Amino acid sequence: MSRKDPAAGRFAAIQITRLVGVACVALGITIATDRLLPGLPGWVGYILIANGLLDVFVIPPILIRKWRTPK
């Protein structure tokens, strides 16, 4: 029986958070510029952009600090 390293799962969670953030920013830009789903109001795209930027720049450092190995 093998044990998984918890750091591998945490690393994957951080990277997936960043990837989802980039996808939200891209989707938000396409919605805000009326290139995708033109019936939606522009503010929906701006909310997605803000959410994506938080997912890329704010959430990963918080997770890294939370999961840091104690010294």
PDB file of N, CA and C in Angstrom:
ATOM      1  N   MET A   1       0.839  -1.169   0.000  1.00  0.00           N
ATOM      2  CA  MET A   1       0.000   0.000   0.000  1.00  0.00           C
ATOM      3  C   MET A   1       0.896   1.248   0.000  1.00  0.00           C
ATOM      4  N   SER A   2       0.648   2.132  -0.941  1.00  0.00           N
ATOM      5  CA  SER A   2       1.460   3.345  -1.033  1.00  0.00           C
ATOM      6  C   SER A   2       0.667   4.538  -0.508  1.00  0.00           C
ATOM      7  N   ARG A   3       1.380   5.463   0.066  1.00  0.00           N
ATOM      8  CA  ARG A   3       0.767   6.689   0.576  1.00  0.00           C
ATOM      9  C   ARG A   3       1.092   7.830  -0.369  1.00  0.00           C
ATOM     10  N   LYS A   4       0.083   8.633  -0.640  1.00  0.00           N
ATOM     11  CA  LYS A   4       0.312   9.811  -1.479  1.00  0.00           C
ATOM     12  C   LYS A   4       0.880  10.940  -0.634  1.00  0.00           C
ATOM     13  N   ASP A   5       1.744  11.674  -1.244  1.00  0.00           N
ATOM     14  CA  ASP A   5       2.312  12.843  -0.577  1.00  0.00           C
ATOM     15  C   ASP A   5       1.250  13.944  -0.543  1.00  0.00           C
ATOM     16  N   PRO A   6       0.917  14.472   0.628  1.00  0.00           N
ATOM     17  CA  PRO A   6      -0.102  15.534   0.676  1.00  0.00           C
ATOM     18  C   PRO A   6       0.332  16.790  -0.067  1.00  0.00           C
ATOM     19  N   ALA A   7       1.636  16.992  -0.209  1.00  0.00           N
ATOM     20  CA  ALA A   7       2.109  18.180  -0.930  1.00  0.00           C
ATOM     21  C   ALA A   7       1.723  18.115  -2.409  1.00  0.00           C
ATOM     22  N   ALA A   8       1.677  16.912  -2.967  1.00  0.00           N
ATOM     23  CA  ALA A   8       1.302  16.785  -4.383  1.00  0.00           C
ATOM     24  C   ALA A   8      -0.143  17.217  -4.605  1.00  0.00           C
ATOM     25  N   GLY A   9      -1.026  16.827  -3.718  1.00  0.00           N
ATOM     26  CA  GLY A   9      -2.426  17.240  -3.828  1.00  0.00           C
ATOM     27  C   GLY A   9      -2.600  18.728  -3.633  1.00  0.00           C
ATOM     28  N   ARG A  10      -1.830  19.291  -2.711  1.00  0.00           N
ATOM     29  CA  ARG A  10      -1.916  20.726  -2.460  1.00  0.00           C
ATOM     30  C   ARG A  10      -1.382  21.521  -3.643  1.00  0.00           C
ATOM     31  N   PHE A  11      -0.281  21.036  -4.210  1.00  0.00           N
ATOM     32  CA  PHE A  11       0.278  21.692  -5.398  1.00  0.00           C
ATOM     33  C   PHE A  11      -0.733  21.661  -6.540  1.00  0.00           C
ATOM     34  N   ALA A  12      -1.379  20.516  -6.737  1.00  0.00           N
ATOM     35  CA  ALA A  12      -2.386  20.399  -7.794  1.00  0.00           C
ATOM     36  C   ALA A  12      -3.551  21.357  -7.547  1.00  0.00           C
ATOM     37  N   ALA A  13      -3.984  21.470  -6.295  1.00  0.00           N
ATOM     38  CA  ALA A  13      -5.096  22.375  -5.981  1.00  0.00           C
ATOM     39  C   ALA A  13      -4.737  23.823  -6.285  1.00  0.00           C
ATOM     40  N   ILE A  14      -3.509  24.212  -5.967  1.00  0.00           N
ATOM     41  CA  ILE A  14      -3.075  25.587  -6.240  1.00  0.00           C
ATOM     42  C   ILE A  14      -3.014  25.836  -7.746  1.00  0.00           C
ATOM     43  N   GLN A  15      -2.483  24.894  -8.497  1.00  0.00           N
ATOM     44  CA  GLN A  15      -2.374  25.068  -9.942  1.00  0.00           C
ATOM     45  C   GLN A  15      -3.746  25.070 -10.616  1.00  0.00           C
ATOM     46  N   ILE A  16      -4.655  24.231 -10.142  1.00  0.00           N
ATOM     47  CA  ILE A  16      -6.013  24.209 -10.707  1.00  0.00           C
ATOM     48  C   ILE A  16      -6.718  25.528 -10.404  1.00  0.00           C
ATOM     49  N   THR A  17      -6.502  26.075  -9.207  1.00  0.00           N
ATOM     50  CA  THR A  17      -7.090  27.377  -8.860  1.00  0.00           C
ATOM     51  C   THR A  17      -6.599  28.451  -9.823  1.00  0.00           C
ATOM     52  N   ARG A  18      -5.300  28.446 -10.100  1.00  0.00           N
ATOM     53  CA  ARG A  18      -4.748  29.427 -11.046  1.00  0.00           C
ATOM     54  C   ARG A  18      -5.309  29.232 -12.442  1.00  0.00           C
ATOM     55  N   LEU A  19      -5.425  27.984 -12.883  1.00  0.00           N
ATOM     56  CA  LEU A  19      -5.940  27.696 -14.224  1.00  0.00           C
ATOM     57  C   LEU A  19      -7.395  28.130 -14.363  1.00  0.00           C
ATOM     58  N   VAL A  20      -8.191  27.862 -13.352  1.00  0.00           N
ATOM     59  CA  VAL A  20      -9.595  28.292 -13.375  1.00  0.00           C
ATOM     60  C   VAL A  20      -9.674  29.820 -13.390  1.00  0.00           C
ATOM     61  N   GLY A  21      -8.770  30.467 -12.673  1.00  0.00           N
ATOM     62  CA  GLY A  21      -8.736  31.932 -12.677  1.00  0.00           C
ATOM     63  C   GLY A  21      -8.443  32.491 -14.057  1.00  0.00           C
ATOM     64  N   VAL A  22      -7.475  31.913 -14.744  1.00  0.00           N
ATOM     65  CA  VAL A  22      -7.153  32.366 -16.104  1.00  0.00           C
ATOM     66  C   VAL A  22      -8.342  32.129 -17.032  1.00  0.00           C
ATOM     67  N   ALA A  23      -9.014  30.988 -16.876  1.00  0.00           N
ATOM     68  CA  ALA A  23     -10.192  30.707 -17.704  1.00  0.00           C
ATOM     69  C   ALA A  23     -11.309  31.719 -17.429  1.00  0.00           C
ATOM     70  N   CYS A  24     -11.494  32.084 -16.161  1.00  0.00           N
ATOM     71  CA  CYS A  24     -12.514  33.083 -15.825  1.00  0.00           C
ATOM     72  C   CYS A  24     -12.195  34.438 -16.444  1.00  0.00           C
ATOM     73  N   VAL A  25     -10.926  34.826 -16.412  1.00  0.00           N
ATOM     74  CA  VAL A  25     -10.540  36.102 -17.012  1.00  0.00           C
ATOM     75  C   VAL A  25     -10.807  36.080 -18.514  1.00  0.00           C
ATOM     76  N   ALA A  26     -10.419  35.003 -19.180  1.00  0.00           N
ATOM     77  CA  ALA A  26     -10.641  34.901 -20.629  1.00  0.00           C
ATOM     78  C   ALA A  26     -12.129  34.911 -20.956  1.00  0.00           C
ATOM     79  N   LEU A  27     -12.917  34.162 -20.205  1.00  0.00           N
ATOM     80  CA  LEU A  27     -14.357  34.141 -20.431  1.00  0.00           C
ATOM     81  C   LEU A  27     -14.970  35.506 -20.147  1.00  0.00           C
ATOM     82  N   GLY A  28     -14.521  36.152 -19.084  1.00  0.00           N
ATOM     83  CA  GLY A  28     -15.029  37.478 -18.746  1.00  0.00           C
ATOM     84  C   GLY A  28     -14.733  38.503 -19.820  1.00  0.00           C
ATOM     85  N   ILE A  29     -13.531  38.433 -20.392  1.00  0.00           N
ATOM     86  CA  ILE A  29     -13.179  39.369 -21.464  1.00  0.00           C
ATOM     87  C   ILE A  29     -14.066  39.149 -22.683  1.00  0.00           C
ATOM     88  N   THR A  30     -14.295  37.891 -23.037  1.00  0.00           N
ATOM     89  CA  THR A  30     -15.129  37.630 -24.216  1.00  0.00           C
ATOM     90  C   THR A  30     -16.579  38.028 -23.979  1.00  0.00           C
ATOM     91  N   ILE A  31     -17.046  37.902 -22.744  1.00  0.00           N
ATOM     92  CA  ILE A  31     -18.423  38.327 -22.443  1.00  0.00           C
ATOM     93  C   ILE A  31     -18.509  39.856 -22.403  1.00  0.00           C
ATOM     94  N   ALA A  32     -17.520  40.514 -21.781  1.00  0.00           N
ATOM     95  CA  ALA A  32     -17.558  41.976 -21.662  1.00  0.00           C
ATOM     96  C   ALA A  32     -17.458  42.667 -23.015  1.00  0.00           C
ATOM     97  N   THR A  33     -16.812  42.028 -23.989  1.00  0.00           N
ATOM     98  CA  THR A  33     -16.681  42.626 -25.317  1.00  0.00           C
ATOM     99  C   THR A  33     -17.756  42.140 -26.291  1.00  0.00           C
ATOM    100  N   ASP A  34     -18.769  41.458 -25.773  1.00  0.00           N
ATOM    101  CA  ASP A  34     -19.913  40.953 -26.568  1.00  0.00           C
ATOM    102  C   ASP A  34     -19.507  39.990 -27.679  1.00  0.00           C
ATOM    103  N   ARG A  35     -18.433  39.264 -27.494  1.00  0.00           N
ATOM    104  CA  ARG A  35     -18.042  38.270 -28.500  1.00  0.00           C
ATOM    105  C   ARG A  35     -18.629  36.909 -28.188  1.00  0.00           C
ATOM    106  N   LEU A  36     -19.018  36.694 -26.949  1.00  0.00           N
ATOM    107  CA  LEU A  36     -19.624  35.437 -26.524  1.00  0.00           C
ATOM    108  C   LEU A  36     -20.869  35.785 -25.725  1.00  0.00           C
ATOM    109  N   LEU A  37     -21.964  35.135 -26.033  1.00  0.00           N
ATOM    110  CA  LEU A  37     -23.236  35.389 -25.353  1.00  0.00           C
ATOM    111  C   LEU A  37     -23.574  36.876 -25.340  1.00  0.00           C
ATOM    112  N   PRO A  38     -23.824  37.459 -26.517  1.00  0.00           N
ATOM    113  CA  PRO A  38     -24.048  38.906 -26.603  1.00  0.00           C
ATOM    114  C   PRO A  38     -25.256  39.410 -25.824  1.00  0.00           C
ATOM    115  N   GLY A  39     -26.153  38.543 -25.394  1.00  0.00           N
ATOM    116  CA  GLY A  39     -27.310  39.001 -24.633  1.00  0.00           C
ATOM    117  C   GLY A  39     -27.000  39.335 -23.184  1.00  0.00           C
ATOM    118  N   LEU A  40     -25.883  38.843 -22.685  1.00  0.00           N
ATOM    119  CA  LEU A  40     -25.526  39.099 -21.288  1.00  0.00           C
ATOM    120  C   LEU A  40     -25.030  40.533 -21.106  1.00  0.00           C
ATOM    121  N   PRO A  41     -25.354  41.131 -19.969  1.00  0.00           N
ATOM    122  CA  PRO A  41     -24.831  42.486 -19.717  1.00  0.00           C
ATOM    123  C   PRO A  41     -23.322  42.451 -19.484  1.00  0.00           C
ATOM    124  N   GLY A  42     -22.676  43.557 -19.759  1.00  0.00           N
ATOM    125  CA  GLY A  42     -21.225  43.636 -19.636  1.00  0.00           C
ATOM    126  C   GLY A  42     -20.712  43.425 -18.227  1.00  0.00           C
ATOM    127  N   TRP A  43     -21.529  43.772 -17.216  1.00  0.00           N
ATOM    128  CA  TRP A  43     -21.059  43.639 -15.841  1.00  0.00           C
ATOM    129  C   TRP A  43     -20.809  42.191 -15.454  1.00  0.00           C
ATOM    130  N   VAL A  44     -21.489  41.257 -16.124  1.00  0.00           N
ATOM    131  CA  VAL A  44     -21.241  39.837 -15.841  1.00  0.00           C
ATOM    132  C   VAL A  44     -19.796  39.492 -16.212  1.00  0.00           C
ATOM    133  N   GLY A  45     -19.346  40.005 -17.338  1.00  0.00           N
ATOM    134  CA  GLY A  45     -17.970  39.776 -17.755  1.00  0.00           C
ATOM    135  C   GLY A  45     -16.975  40.391 -16.789  1.00  0.00           C
ATOM    136  N   TYR A  46     -17.291  41.596 -16.299  1.00  0.00           N
ATOM    137  CA  TYR A  46     -16.376  42.246 -15.359  1.00  0.00           C
ATOM    138  C   TYR A  46     -16.306  41.503 -14.023  1.00  0.00           C
ATOM    139  N   ILE A  47     -17.424  40.930 -13.608  1.00  0.00           N
ATOM    140  CA  ILE A  47     -17.417  40.126 -12.373  1.00  0.00           C
ATOM    141  C   ILE A  47     -16.531  38.891 -12.569  1.00  0.00           C
ATOM    142  N   LEU A  48     -16.651  38.255 -13.735  1.00  0.00           N
ATOM    143  CA  LEU A  48     -15.806  37.088 -14.014  1.00  0.00           C
ATOM    144  C   LEU A  48     -14.328  37.472 -14.069  1.00  0.00           C
ATOM    145  N   ILE A  49     -14.026  38.607 -14.637  1.00  0.00           N
ATOM    146  CA  ILE A  49     -12.636  39.069 -14.692  1.00  0.00           C
ATOM    147  C   ILE A  49     -12.109  39.290 -13.277  1.00  0.00           C
ATOM    148  N   ALA A  50     -12.884  39.962 -12.437  1.00  0.00           N
ATOM    149  CA  ALA A  50     -12.450  40.209 -11.060  1.00  0.00           C
ATOM    150  C   ALA A  50     -12.266  38.901 -10.296  1.00  0.00           C
ATOM    151  N   ASN A  51     -13.199  37.978 -10.473  1.00  0.00           N
ATOM    152  CA  ASN A  51     -13.095  36.679  -9.814  1.00  0.00           C
ATOM    153  C   ASN A  51     -11.849  35.932 -10.290  1.00  0.00           C
ATOM    154  N   GLY A  52     -11.596  35.968 -11.587  1.00  0.00           N
ATOM    155  CA  GLY A  52     -10.425  35.291 -12.122  1.00  0.00           C
ATOM    156  C   GLY A  52      -9.128  35.889 -11.616  1.00  0.00           C
ATOM    157  N   LEU A  53      -9.062  37.207 -11.520  1.00  0.00           N
ATOM    158  CA  LEU A  53      -7.850  37.841 -11.004  1.00  0.00           C
ATOM    159  C   LEU A  53      -7.610  37.478  -9.539  1.00  0.00           C
ATOM    160  N   LEU A  54      -8.685  37.376  -8.773  1.00  0.00           N
ATOM    161  CA  LEU A  54      -8.535  36.920  -7.391  1.00  0.00           C
ATOM    162  C   LEU A  54      -8.015  35.488  -7.345  1.00  0.00           C
ATOM    163  N   ASP A  55      -8.552  34.636  -8.215  1.00  0.00           N
ATOM    164  CA  ASP A  55      -8.116  33.236  -8.253  1.00  0.00           C
ATOM    165  C   ASP A  55      -6.658  33.098  -8.663  1.00  0.00           C
ATOM    166  N   VAL A  56      -6.165  34.009  -9.458  1.00  0.00           N
ATOM    167  CA  VAL A  56      -4.780  33.907  -9.925  1.00  0.00           C
ATOM    168  C   VAL A  56      -3.808  34.541  -8.938  1.00  0.00           C
ATOM    169  N   PHE A  57      -4.156  35.711  -8.384  1.00  0.00           N
ATOM    170  CA  PHE A  57      -3.180  36.467  -7.618  1.00  0.00           C
ATOM    171  C   PHE A  57      -3.384  36.468  -6.099  1.00  0.00           C
ATOM    172  N   VAL A  58      -4.586  36.223  -5.607  1.00  0.00           N
ATOM    173  CA  VAL A  58      -4.842  36.342  -4.173  1.00  0.00           C
ATOM    174  C   VAL A  58      -4.976  34.976  -3.489  1.00  0.00           C
ATOM    175  N   ILE A  59      -5.760  34.095  -4.050  1.00  0.00           N
ATOM    176  CA  ILE A  59      -6.047  32.813  -3.401  1.00  0.00           C
ATOM    177  C   ILE A  59      -4.816  31.913  -3.282  1.00  0.00           C
ATOM    178  N   PRO A  60      -3.985  31.747  -4.324  1.00  0.00           N
ATOM    179  CA  PRO A  60      -2.817  30.855  -4.163  1.00  0.00           C
ATOM    180  C   PRO A  60      -1.866  31.248  -3.031  1.00  0.00           C
ATOM    181  N   PRO A  61      -1.498  32.529  -2.867  1.00  0.00           N
ATOM    182  CA  PRO A  61      -0.634  32.844  -1.718  1.00  0.00           C
ATOM    183  C   PRO A  61      -1.288  32.545  -0.364  1.00  0.00           C
ATOM    184  N   ILE A  62      -2.604  32.712  -0.282  1.00  0.00           N
ATOM    185  CA  ILE A  62      -3.297  32.381   0.963  1.00  0.00           C
ATOM    186  C   ILE A  62      -3.195  30.883   1.231  1.00  0.00           C
ATOM    187  N   LEU A  63      -3.427  30.073   0.194  1.00  0.00           N
ATOM    188  CA  LEU A  63      -3.321  28.624   0.360  1.00  0.00           C
ATOM    189  C   LEU A  63      -1.895  28.203   0.692  1.00  0.00           C
ATOM    190  N   ILE A  64      -0.926  28.829   0.053  1.00  0.00           N
ATOM    191  CA  ILE A  64       0.477  28.493   0.321  1.00  0.00           C
ATOM    192  C   ILE A  64       0.811  28.801   1.781  1.00  0.00           C
ATOM    193  N   ARG A  65       0.380  29.957   2.279  1.00  0.00           N
ATOM    194  CA  ARG A  65       0.639  30.305   3.677  1.00  0.00           C
ATOM    195  C   ARG A  65      -0.060  29.341   4.631  1.00  0.00           C
ATOM    196  N   LYS A  66      -1.285  28.961   4.272  1.00  0.00           N
ATOM    197  CA  LYS A  66      -2.060  28.069   5.141  1.00  0.00           C
ATOM    198  C   LYS A  66      -1.415  26.677   5.202  1.00  0.00           C
ATOM    199  N   TRP A  67      -0.900  26.197   4.074  1.00  0.00           N
ATOM    200  CA  TRP A  67      -0.374  24.842   3.999  1.00  0.00           C
ATOM    201  C   TRP A  67       1.130  24.774   4.221  1.00  0.00           C
ATOM    202  N   ARG A  68       1.766  25.867   4.576  1.00  0.00           N
ATOM    203  CA  ARG A  68       3.212  25.868   4.789  1.00  0.00           C
ATOM    204  C   ARG A  68       3.595  24.917   5.924  1.00  0.00           C
ATOM    205  N   THR A  69       4.669  24.211   5.721  1.00  0.00           N
ATOM    206  CA  THR A  69       5.169  23.300   6.751  1.00  0.00           C
ATOM    207  C   THR A  69       5.729  24.123   7.914  1.00  0.00           C
ATOM    208  N   PRO A  70       5.306  23.796   9.135  1.00  0.00           N
ATOM    209  CA  PRO A  70       5.836  24.566  10.272  1.00  0.00           C
ATOM    210  C   PRO A  70       7.331  24.318  10.464  1.00  0.00           C
ATOM    211  N   LYS A  71       8.023  25.358  10.895  1.00  0.00           N
ATOM    212  CA  LYS A  71       9.473  25.231  11.087  1.00  0.00           C
ATOM    213  C   LYS A  71       9.811  24.784  12.478  1.00  0.00           C
TER     214      LYS A  71
END
